[in-house]
Amino acid sequence: MSDVDDGPARPLLRVVRGNPTPEELAALIAVVSARGAAAEPAEPAPPSPWRSRGPGLRRPLPHGPGAWRTSGLPGTH
């Protein structure tokens, strides 16, 4: 690998019309930079509740004396 420069890099912005002052160019670059930084979220969004697998899992079966009786009764789990 070599660190040879292949020529000038492509500019990020190009003025097509007009003759902006250095202050106007600086303001434009500041706005574009701030806009680009704001587009990247600081932290990922929390996962959607729709993706949760917990409600679809079976609850543990009751155990102990009389468990077979309560296993078929609704709301006693």
PDB file of N, CA and C in Angstrom:
ATOM      1  N   MET A   1       0.831  -1.170   0.000  1.00  0.00           N
ATOM      2  CA  MET A   1       0.000   0.000   0.000  1.00  0.00           C
ATOM      3  C   MET A   1       0.874   1.229   0.000  1.00  0.00           C
ATOM      4  N   SER A   2       0.437   2.231  -0.697  1.00  0.00           N
ATOM      5  CA  SER A   2       1.189   3.484  -0.720  1.00  0.00           C
ATOM      6  C   SER A   2       0.251   4.637  -0.427  1.00  0.00           C
ATOM      7  N   ASP A   3       0.821   5.700   0.065  1.00  0.00           N
ATOM      8  CA  ASP A   3       0.047   6.902   0.391  1.00  0.00           C
ATOM      9  C   ASP A   3       0.222   7.952  -0.697  1.00  0.00           C
ATOM     10  N   VAL A   4       0.133   7.538  -1.937  1.00  0.00           N
ATOM     11  CA  VAL A   4       0.320   8.453  -3.051  1.00  0.00           C
ATOM     12  C   VAL A   4      -0.993   9.164  -3.327  1.00  0.00           C
ATOM     13  N   ASP A   5      -0.918  10.474  -3.483  1.00  0.00           N
ATOM     14  CA  ASP A   5      -2.107  11.270  -3.787  1.00  0.00           C
ATOM     15  C   ASP A   5      -2.358  11.207  -5.285  1.00  0.00           C
ATOM     16  N   ASP A   6      -3.558  10.815  -5.688  1.00  0.00           N
ATOM     17  CA  ASP A   6      -3.897  10.672  -7.104  1.00  0.00           C
ATOM     18  C   ASP A   6      -4.400  11.966  -7.723  1.00  0.00           C
ATOM     19  N   GLY A   7      -4.251  13.068  -7.077  1.00  0.00           N
ATOM     20  CA  GLY A   7      -4.703  14.340  -7.617  1.00  0.00           C
ATOM     21  C   GLY A   7      -5.695  14.995  -6.684  1.00  0.00           C
ATOM     22  N   PRO A   8      -6.282  16.087  -7.125  1.00  0.00           N
ATOM     23  CA  PRO A   8      -7.224  16.807  -6.252  1.00  0.00           C
ATOM     24  C   PRO A   8      -8.498  15.986  -6.030  1.00  0.00           C
ATOM     25  N   ALA A   9      -8.995  16.066  -4.809  1.00  0.00           N
ATOM     26  CA  ALA A   9     -10.234  15.365  -4.466  1.00  0.00           C
ATOM     27  C   ALA A   9     -11.430  16.101  -5.060  1.00  0.00           C
ATOM     28  N   ARG A  10     -12.492  15.388  -5.249  1.00  0.00           N
ATOM     29  CA  ARG A  10     -13.717  15.992  -5.786  1.00  0.00           C
ATOM     30  C   ARG A  10     -14.325  16.885  -4.708  1.00  0.00           C
ATOM     31  N   PRO A  11     -14.703  18.120  -5.033  1.00  0.00           N
ATOM     32  CA  PRO A  11     -15.267  19.024  -4.014  1.00  0.00           C
ATOM     33  C   PRO A  11     -16.645  18.555  -3.561  1.00  0.00           C
ATOM     34  N   LEU A  12     -16.951  18.838  -2.293  1.00  0.00           N
ATOM     35  CA  LEU A  12     -18.253  18.467  -1.748  1.00  0.00           C
ATOM     36  C   LEU A  12     -19.354  19.405  -2.229  1.00  0.00           C
ATOM     37  N   LEU A  13     -19.027  20.675  -2.393  1.00  0.00           N
ATOM     38  CA  LEU A  13     -19.977  21.680  -2.867  1.00  0.00           C
ATOM     39  C   LEU A  13     -19.376  22.399  -4.073  1.00  0.00           C
ATOM     40  N   ARG A  14     -20.272  22.841  -4.936  1.00  0.00           N
ATOM     41  CA  ARG A  14     -19.810  23.581  -6.109  1.00  0.00           C
ATOM     42  C   ARG A  14     -20.787  24.716  -6.360  1.00  0.00           C
ATOM     43  N   VAL A  15     -20.252  25.914  -6.565  1.00  0.00           N
ATOM     44  CA  VAL A  15     -21.084  27.075  -6.868  1.00  0.00           C
ATOM     45  C   VAL A  15     -21.353  27.062  -8.367  1.00  0.00           C
ATOM     46  N   VAL A  16     -22.636  27.015  -8.726  1.00  0.00           N
ATOM     47  CA  VAL A  16     -23.012  26.942 -10.136  1.00  0.00           C
ATOM     48  C   VAL A  16     -23.283  28.332 -10.693  1.00  0.00           C
ATOM     49  N   ARG A  17     -23.914  29.176  -9.900  1.00  0.00           N
ATOM     50  CA  ARG A  17     -24.231  30.534 -10.351  1.00  0.00           C
ATOM     51  C   ARG A  17     -23.875  31.525  -9.264  1.00  0.00           C
ATOM     52  N   GLY A  18     -23.580  32.718  -9.668  1.00  0.00           N
ATOM     53  CA  GLY A  18     -23.326  33.795  -8.726  1.00  0.00           C
ATOM     54  C   GLY A  18     -21.872  33.812  -8.269  1.00  0.00           C
ATOM     55  N   ASN A  19     -21.607  34.734  -7.380  1.00  0.00           N
ATOM     56  CA  ASN A  19     -20.259  34.911  -6.855  1.00  0.00           C
ATOM     57  C   ASN A  19     -20.384  35.118  -5.344  1.00  0.00           C
ATOM     58  N   PRO A  20     -20.496  34.044  -4.558  1.00  0.00           N
ATOM     59  CA  PRO A  20     -20.690  34.203  -3.113  1.00  0.00           C
ATOM     60  C   PRO A  20     -19.415  34.694  -2.436  1.00  0.00           C
ATOM     61  N   THR A  21     -19.618  35.407  -1.366  1.00  0.00           N
ATOM     62  CA  THR A  21     -18.486  35.893  -0.572  1.00  0.00           C
ATOM     63  C   THR A  21     -17.993  34.739   0.307  1.00  0.00           C
ATOM     64  N   PRO A  22     -16.789  34.856   0.838  1.00  0.00           N
ATOM     65  CA  PRO A  22     -16.305  33.807   1.752  1.00  0.00           C
ATOM     66  C   PRO A  22     -17.220  33.612   2.963  1.00  0.00           C
ATOM     67  N   GLU A  23     -17.848  34.687   3.449  1.00  0.00           N
ATOM     68  CA  GLU A  23     -18.763  34.574   4.574  1.00  0.00           C
ATOM     69  C   GLU A  23     -20.009  33.772   4.195  1.00  0.00           C
ATOM     70  N   GLU A  24     -20.518  34.002   2.992  1.00  0.00           N
ATOM     71  CA  GLU A  24     -21.689  33.259   2.529  1.00  0.00           C
ATOM     72  C   GLU A  24     -21.358  31.770   2.352  1.00  0.00           C
ATOM     73  N   LEU A  25     -20.179  31.482   1.821  1.00  0.00           N
ATOM     74  CA  LEU A  25     -19.769  30.091   1.683  1.00  0.00           C
ATOM     75  C   LEU A  25     -19.610  29.427   3.047  1.00  0.00           C
ATOM     76  N   ALA A  26     -19.036  30.151   4.003  1.00  0.00           N
ATOM     77  CA  ALA A  26     -18.873  29.607   5.349  1.00  0.00           C
ATOM     78  C   ALA A  26     -20.228  29.323   5.980  1.00  0.00           C
ATOM     79  N   ALA A  27     -21.196  30.208   5.794  1.00  0.00           N
ATOM     80  CA  ALA A  27     -22.538  29.997   6.337  1.00  0.00           C
ATOM     81  C   ALA A  27     -23.197  28.778   5.691  1.00  0.00           C
ATOM     82  N   LEU A  28     -23.033  28.631   4.394  1.00  0.00           N
ATOM     83  CA  LEU A  28     -23.611  27.489   3.689  1.00  0.00           C
ATOM     84  C   LEU A  28     -22.998  26.177   4.176  1.00  0.00           C
ATOM     85  N   ILE A  29     -21.685  26.167   4.324  1.00  0.00           N
ATOM     86  CA  ILE A  29     -21.006  24.958   4.792  1.00  0.00           C
ATOM     87  C   ILE A  29     -21.435  24.620   6.220  1.00  0.00           C
ATOM     88  N   ALA A  30     -21.607  25.630   7.061  1.00  0.00           N
ATOM     89  CA  ALA A  30     -22.048  25.386   8.436  1.00  0.00           C
ATOM     90  C   ALA A  30     -23.448  24.782   8.462  1.00  0.00           C
ATOM     91  N   VAL A  31     -24.348  25.284   7.635  1.00  0.00           N
ATOM     92  CA  VAL A  31     -25.718  24.764   7.599  1.00  0.00           C
ATOM     93  C   VAL A  31     -25.747  23.336   7.069  1.00  0.00           C
ATOM     94  N   VAL A  32     -25.003  23.075   6.008  1.00  0.00           N
ATOM     95  CA  VAL A  32     -24.989  21.729   5.430  1.00  0.00           C
ATOM     96  C   VAL A  32     -24.353  20.738   6.408  1.00  0.00           C
ATOM     97  N   SER A  33     -23.298  21.148   7.093  1.00  0.00           N
ATOM     98  CA  SER A  33     -22.651  20.267   8.073  1.00  0.00           C
ATOM     99  C   SER A  33     -23.580  19.967   9.241  1.00  0.00           C
ATOM    100  N   ALA A  34     -24.267  20.990   9.741  1.00  0.00           N
ATOM    101  CA  ALA A  34     -25.196  20.786  10.856  1.00  0.00           C
ATOM    102  C   ALA A  34     -26.352  19.892  10.438  1.00  0.00           C
ATOM    103  N   ARG A  35     -26.820  20.082   9.245  1.00  0.00           N
ATOM    104  CA  ARG A  35     -27.933  19.262   8.747  1.00  0.00           C
ATOM    105  C   ARG A  35     -27.518  17.799   8.622  1.00  0.00           C
ATOM    106  N   GLY A  36     -26.301  17.557   8.149  1.00  0.00           N
ATOM    107  CA  GLY A  36     -25.811  16.192   8.021  1.00  0.00           C
ATOM    108  C   GLY A  36     -25.606  15.534   9.367  1.00  0.00           C
ATOM    109  N   ALA A  37     -25.132  16.285  10.350  1.00  0.00           N
ATOM    110  CA  ALA A  37     -24.920  15.732  11.683  1.00  0.00           C
ATOM    111  C   ALA A  37     -26.256  15.426  12.362  1.00  0.00           C
ATOM    112  N   ALA A  38     -27.279  16.215  12.097  1.00  0.00           N
ATOM    113  CA  ALA A  38     -28.590  15.997  12.705  1.00  0.00           C
ATOM    114  C   ALA A  38     -29.297  14.794  12.089  1.00  0.00           C
ATOM    115  N   ALA A  39     -28.929  14.401  10.879  1.00  0.00           N
ATOM    116  CA  ALA A  39     -29.591  13.289  10.209  1.00  0.00           C
ATOM    117  C   ALA A  39     -29.204  11.951  10.815  1.00  0.00           C
ATOM    118  N   GLU A  40     -28.050  11.870  11.487  1.00  0.00           N
ATOM    119  CA  GLU A  40     -27.613  10.623  12.085  1.00  0.00           C
ATOM    120  C   GLU A  40     -28.142  10.531  13.516  1.00  0.00           C
ATOM    121  N   PRO A  41     -28.946   9.513  13.840  1.00  0.00           N
ATOM    122  CA  PRO A  41     -29.473   9.405  15.201  1.00  0.00           C
ATOM    123  C   PRO A  41     -28.348   9.122  16.202  1.00  0.00           C
ATOM    124  N   ALA A  42     -28.473   9.692  17.396  1.00  0.00           N
ATOM    125  CA  ALA A  42     -27.454   9.518  18.423  1.00  0.00           C
ATOM    126  C   ALA A  42     -27.462   8.094  18.957  1.00  0.00           C
ATOM    127  N   GLU A  43     -28.624   7.504  19.142  1.00  0.00           N
ATOM    128  CA  GLU A  43     -28.727   6.135  19.628  1.00  0.00           C
ATOM    129  C   GLU A  43     -29.859   5.446  18.883  1.00  0.00           C
ATOM    130  N   PRO A  44     -29.788   4.135  18.731  1.00  0.00           N
ATOM    131  CA  PRO A  44     -30.844   3.440  17.998  1.00  0.00           C
ATOM    132  C   PRO A  44     -32.171   3.488  18.757  1.00  0.00           C
ATOM    133  N   ALA A  45     -33.233   3.462  18.000  1.00  0.00           N
ATOM    134  CA  ALA A  45     -34.573   3.482  18.593  1.00  0.00           C
ATOM    135  C   ALA A  45     -34.842   2.156  19.293  1.00  0.00           C
ATOM    136  N   PRO A  46     -35.630   2.164  20.364  1.00  0.00           N
ATOM    137  CA  PRO A  46     -35.944   0.899  21.043  1.00  0.00           C
ATOM    138  C   PRO A  46     -36.773  -0.001  20.123  1.00  0.00           C
ATOM    139  N   PRO A  47     -36.664  -1.305  20.300  1.00  0.00           N
ATOM    140  CA  PRO A  47     -37.420  -2.210  19.433  1.00  0.00           C
ATOM    141  C   PRO A  47     -38.926  -2.055  19.632  1.00  0.00           C
ATOM    142  N   SER A  48     -39.651  -2.313  18.587  1.00  0.00           N
ATOM    143  CA  SER A  48     -41.101  -2.195  18.611  1.00  0.00           C
ATOM    144  C   SER A  48     -41.717  -3.298  19.466  1.00  0.00           C
ATOM    145  N   PRO A  49     -42.784  -2.987  20.221  1.00  0.00           N
ATOM    146  CA  PRO A  49     -43.471  -4.050  20.987  1.00  0.00           C
ATOM    147  C   PRO A  49     -44.014  -5.158  20.088  1.00  0.00           C
ATOM    148  N   TRP A  50     -44.250  -4.871  18.829  1.00  0.00           N
ATOM    149  CA  TRP A  50     -44.756  -5.887  17.907  1.00  0.00           C
ATOM    150  C   TRP A  50     -43.730  -6.985  17.665  1.00  0.00           C
ATOM    151  N   ARG A  51     -42.454  -6.699  17.913  1.00  0.00           N
ATOM    152  CA  ARG A  51     -41.406  -7.690  17.683  1.00  0.00           C
ATOM    153  C   ARG A  51     -41.168  -8.573  18.902  1.00  0.00           C
ATOM    154  N   SER A  52     -41.819  -8.300  20.018  1.00  0.00           N
ATOM    155  CA  SER A  52     -41.622  -9.066  21.245  1.00  0.00           C
ATOM    156  C   SER A  52     -42.187 -10.470  21.087  1.00  0.00           C
ATOM    157  N   ARG A  53     -41.399 -11.455  21.460  1.00  0.00           N
ATOM    158  CA  ARG A  53     -41.846 -12.846  21.351  1.00  0.00           C
ATOM    159  C   ARG A  53     -42.425 -13.361  22.665  1.00  0.00           C
ATOM    160  N   GLY A  54     -42.310 -12.588  23.728  1.00  0.00           N
ATOM    161  CA  GLY A  54     -42.740 -13.031  25.046  1.00  0.00           C
ATOM    162  C   GLY A  54     -44.195 -13.428  25.145  1.00  0.00           C
ATOM    163  N   PRO A  55     -45.145 -12.629  24.611  1.00  0.00           N
ATOM    164  CA  PRO A  55     -46.554 -13.005  24.749  1.00  0.00           C
ATOM    165  C   PRO A  55     -46.914 -14.316  24.046  1.00  0.00           C
ATOM    166  N   GLY A  56     -46.141 -14.719  23.061  1.00  0.00           N
ATOM    167  CA  GLY A  56     -46.452 -15.952  22.341  1.00  0.00           C
ATOM    168  C   GLY A  56     -45.905 -17.201  23.010  1.00  0.00           C
ATOM    169  N   LEU A  57     -45.068 -17.032  24.009  1.00  0.00           N
ATOM    170  CA  LEU A  57     -44.492 -18.193  24.680  1.00  0.00           C
ATOM    171  C   LEU A  57     -45.470 -18.791  25.689  1.00  0.00           C
ATOM    172  N   ARG A  58     -45.383 -20.090  25.888  1.00  0.00           N
ATOM    173  CA  ARG A  58     -46.256 -20.785  26.823  1.00  0.00           C
ATOM    174  C   ARG A  58     -45.820 -20.486  28.254  1.00  0.00           C
ATOM    175  N   ARG A  59     -46.791 -20.312  29.138  1.00  0.00           N
ATOM    176  CA  ARG A  59     -46.491 -20.125  30.555  1.00  0.00           C
ATOM    177  C   ARG A  59     -46.111 -21.460  31.160  1.00  0.00           C
ATOM    178  N   PRO A  60     -45.339 -21.451  32.252  1.00  0.00           N
ATOM    179  CA  PRO A  60     -44.987 -22.724  32.887  1.00  0.00           C
ATOM    180  C   PRO A  60     -46.239 -23.447  33.392  1.00  0.00           C
ATOM    181  N   LEU A  61     -46.216 -24.745  33.305  1.00  0.00           N
ATOM    182  CA  LEU A  61     -47.346 -25.542  33.783  1.00  0.00           C
ATOM    183  C   LEU A  61     -47.337 -25.588  35.301  1.00  0.00           C
ATOM    184  N   PRO A  62     -48.524 -25.540  35.921  1.00  0.00           N
ATOM    185  CA  PRO A  62     -48.574 -25.626  37.382  1.00  0.00           C
ATOM    186  C   PRO A  62     -48.123 -27.006  37.845  1.00  0.00           C
ATOM    187  N   HIS A  63     -47.554 -27.045  39.026  1.00  0.00           N
ATOM    188  CA  HIS A  63     -47.112 -28.321  39.571  1.00  0.00           C
ATOM    189  C   HIS A  63     -47.447 -28.371  41.065  1.00  0.00           C
ATOM    190  N   GLY A  64     -47.383 -29.548  41.600  1.00  0.00           N
ATOM    191  CA  GLY A  64     -47.676 -29.739  43.018  1.00  0.00           C
ATOM    192  C   GLY A  64     -49.011 -30.435  43.216  1.00  0.00           C
ATOM    193  N   PRO A  65     -49.423 -30.604  44.491  1.00  0.00           N
ATOM    194  CA  PRO A  65     -50.687 -31.287  44.770  1.00  0.00           C
ATOM    195  C   PRO A  65     -51.883 -30.519  44.178  1.00  0.00           C
ATOM    196  N   GLY A  66     -52.738 -31.196  43.470  1.00  0.00           N
ATOM    197  CA  GLY A  66     -53.933 -30.597  42.882  1.00  0.00           C
ATOM    198  C   GLY A  66     -53.669 -29.779  41.625  1.00  0.00           C
ATOM    199  N   ALA A  67     -52.466 -29.838  41.105  1.00  0.00           N
ATOM    200  CA  ALA A  67     -52.135 -29.022  39.930  1.00  0.00           C
ATOM    201  C   ALA A  67     -52.919 -29.456  38.709  1.00  0.00           C
ATOM    202  N   TRP A  68     -53.194 -30.744  38.601  1.00  0.00           N
ATOM    203  CA  TRP A  68     -53.920 -31.205  37.427  1.00  0.00           C
ATOM    204  C   TRP A  68     -55.325 -30.625  37.389  1.00  0.00           C
ATOM    205  N   ARG A  69     -55.924 -30.353  38.560  1.00  0.00           N
ATOM    206  CA  ARG A  69     -57.258 -29.754  38.595  1.00  0.00           C
ATOM    207  C   ARG A  69     -57.222 -28.303  38.125  1.00  0.00           C
ATOM    208  N   THR A  70     -56.235 -27.555  38.614  1.00  0.00           N
ATOM    209  CA  THR A  70     -56.174 -26.127  38.277  1.00  0.00           C
ATOM    210  C   THR A  70     -55.593 -25.879  36.894  1.00  0.00           C
ATOM    211  N   SER A  71     -54.984 -26.898  36.279  1.00  0.00           N
ATOM    212  CA  SER A  71     -54.381 -26.681  34.962  1.00  0.00           C
ATOM    213  C   SER A  71     -55.422 -26.366  33.900  1.00  0.00           C
ATOM    214  N   GLY A  72     -56.650 -26.823  34.083  1.00  0.00           N
ATOM    215  CA  GLY A  72     -57.680 -26.579  33.086  1.00  0.00           C
ATOM    216  C   GLY A  72     -58.585 -25.409  33.413  1.00  0.00           C
ATOM    217  N   LEU A  73     -58.410 -24.804  34.568  1.00  0.00           N
ATOM    218  CA  LEU A  73     -59.274 -23.694  34.959  1.00  0.00           C
ATOM    219  C   LEU A  73     -58.698 -22.380  34.427  1.00  0.00           C
ATOM    220  N   PRO A  74     -59.530 -21.558  33.789  1.00  0.00           N
ATOM    221  CA  PRO A  74     -59.008 -20.282  33.268  1.00  0.00           C
ATOM    222  C   PRO A  74     -58.709 -19.292  34.392  1.00  0.00           C
ATOM    223  N   GLY A  75     -57.655 -18.564  34.237  1.00  0.00           N
ATOM    224  CA  GLY A  75     -57.323 -17.495  35.162  1.00  0.00           C
ATOM    225  C   GLY A  75     -56.670 -17.913  36.458  1.00  0.00           C
ATOM    226  N   THR A  76     -56.342 -19.186  36.632  1.00  0.00           N
ATOM    227  CA  THR A  76     -55.716 -19.616  37.872  1.00  0.00           C
ATOM    228  C   THR A  76     -54.216 -19.847  37.690  1.00  0.00           C
ATOM    229  N   HIS A  77     -53.654 -19.450  36.595  1.00  0.00           N
ATOM    230  CA  HIS A  77     -52.230 -19.692  36.334  1.00  0.00           C
ATOM    231  C   HIS A  77     -51.410 -18.700  37.073  1.00  0.00           C
TER     232      HIS A  77
END
